[in-house]
């Protein structure tokens, strides 16, 4: 499998501390899932901002740069209609590597070809 750490993902995570907080919170509870208000409490942010970084919301959080749009997070619908969010199980190891890189505060460079 080709690594998912590409320029779009790095740029999106570099541009938003909230995206990083949400992603790394979901990583910390993996393989479990969480719902919007629980994630909001955990990262100490407004639910509308958390929803935006997860799914996209207008110009500030575009759908393509959202955690779901980037393929980092998946949505599971429950029988009662609630949405639950969790790390994409196919790329959990890559997300762990990203967390290490961000914690080490390495400078990211992207080759432009």
Protein backbone atom coordinates (compact mmCIF):
# COMPACT_ATOMS: atom_id res chain seq x y z
CA UNK A 1 0.00 0.00 0.00
CA UNK A 2 1.29 3.44 -0.93
CA UNK A 3 1.83 5.78 2.04
CA UNK A 4 -0.89 8.37 2.51
CA UNK A 5 1.33 11.14 3.81
CA UNK A 6 1.15 13.52 0.88
CA UNK A 7 1.35 17.26 0.45
CA UNK A 8 -2.41 17.87 0.70
CA UNK A 9 -2.66 16.06 4.02
CA UNK A 10 0.41 17.73 5.50
CA UNK A 11 -0.72 21.17 4.35
CA UNK A 12 -4.20 20.64 5.75
CA UNK A 13 -2.88 19.47 9.13
CA UNK A 14 -0.26 22.23 9.26
CA UNK A 15 -2.91 24.87 8.60
CA UNK A 16 -5.29 23.78 11.36
CA UNK A 17 -4.44 22.97 14.94
CA UNK A 18 -8.05 21.85 15.43
CA UNK A 19 -7.76 19.27 12.63
CA UNK A 20 -4.68 17.87 14.34
CA UNK A 21 -6.38 17.82 17.76
CA UNK A 22 -9.45 16.02 16.40
CA UNK A 23 -7.41 13.54 14.38
CA UNK A 24 -5.06 12.72 17.24
CA UNK A 25 -7.95 12.47 19.73
CA UNK A 26 -9.61 9.90 17.46
CA UNK A 27 -6.27 8.12 17.20
CA UNK A 28 -6.02 8.03 21.01
CA UNK A 29 -9.36 6.20 21.31
CA UNK A 30 -8.85 3.89 18.31
CA UNK A 31 -10.37 1.35 17.58
CA UNK A 32 -13.34 3.02 19.25
CA UNK A 33 -15.43 5.74 17.70
CA UNK A 34 -16.87 8.97 19.03
CA UNK A 35 -19.71 11.36 18.28
CA UNK A 36 -19.51 15.08 17.58
CA UNK A 37 -20.29 16.52 21.02
CA UNK A 38 -17.94 14.08 22.74
CA UNK A 39 -15.11 15.02 20.36
CA UNK A 40 -15.89 18.72 20.92
CA UNK A 41 -15.58 18.31 24.69
CA UNK A 42 -12.35 16.32 24.36
CA UNK A 43 -10.63 18.93 22.17
CA UNK A 44 -12.27 21.90 23.95
CA UNK A 45 -13.79 23.44 20.85
CA UNK A 46 -17.19 24.46 19.57
CA UNK A 47 -19.15 21.60 17.90
CA UNK A 48 -19.64 23.61 14.70
CA UNK A 49 -15.87 24.05 14.30
CA UNK A 50 -15.28 20.36 14.99
CA UNK A 51 -17.97 19.45 12.45
CA UNK A 52 -16.24 21.71 9.95
CA UNK A 53 -12.85 20.12 10.34
CA UNK A 54 -14.38 16.63 10.18
CA UNK A 55 -16.78 17.08 7.25
CA UNK A 56 -16.14 20.50 5.80
CA UNK A 57 -18.17 23.64 6.32
CA UNK A 58 -18.13 26.52 3.90
CA UNK A 59 -14.93 28.31 2.95
CA UNK A 60 -13.05 27.96 6.23
CA UNK A 61 -13.14 24.17 6.20
CA UNK A 62 -13.50 22.90 2.65
CA UNK A 63 -14.79 19.38 2.10
CA UNK A 64 -11.61 18.39 0.27
CA UNK A 65 -9.42 19.49 3.19
CA UNK A 66 -11.66 17.99 5.87
CA UNK A 67 -10.49 14.92 7.75
CA UNK A 68 -13.13 12.84 5.98
CA UNK A 69 -12.33 14.38 2.60
CA UNK A 70 -8.67 13.51 3.08
CA UNK A 71 -9.57 9.91 3.93
CA UNK A 72 -8.17 10.10 7.45
CA UNK A 73 -11.50 9.68 9.25
CA UNK A 74 -14.59 7.64 8.42
CA UNK A 75 -18.23 8.08 9.47
CA UNK A 76 -20.37 5.27 10.81
CA UNK A 77 -24.12 5.67 11.08
CA UNK A 78 -25.79 3.96 14.01
CA UNK A 79 -29.25 2.42 13.96
CA UNK A 80 -30.56 5.37 15.97
CA UNK A 81 -29.32 7.81 13.31
CA UNK A 82 -26.31 9.19 15.15
CA UNK A 83 -23.05 9.79 13.29
CA UNK A 84 -19.91 8.36 14.82
CA UNK A 85 -16.41 9.23 13.70
CA UNK A 86 -13.28 7.11 13.85
CA UNK A 87 -9.82 6.87 12.33
CA UNK A 88 -9.83 5.11 8.98
CA UNK A 89 -8.62 1.62 9.99
CA UNK A 90 -6.77 1.22 6.68
CA UNK A 91 -4.36 4.02 7.51
CA UNK A 92 -4.10 4.00 11.32
CA UNK A 93 -0.36 3.21 11.23
CA UNK A 94 0.32 6.17 8.92
CA UNK A 95 -1.67 8.45 11.25
CA UNK A 96 0.44 7.22 14.17
CA UNK A 97 3.56 8.13 12.16
CA UNK A 98 2.12 11.59 11.43
CA UNK A 99 1.48 12.13 15.13
CA UNK A 100 5.13 11.31 15.89
CA UNK A 101 6.28 13.72 13.18
CA UNK A 102 4.08 16.54 14.47
CA UNK A 103 5.19 15.89 18.07
CA UNK A 104 8.82 16.00 16.95
CA UNK A 105 8.03 19.33 15.23
CA UNK A 106 9.87 18.29 12.10
CA UNK A 107 9.72 20.67 9.19
CA UNK A 108 7.76 19.24 6.30
CA UNK A 109 8.83 19.77 2.75
CA UNK A 110 6.91 18.77 -0.30
CA UNK A 111 8.63 18.15 -3.58
CA UNK A 112 6.96 20.06 -6.40
CA UNK A 113 7.50 18.35 -9.69
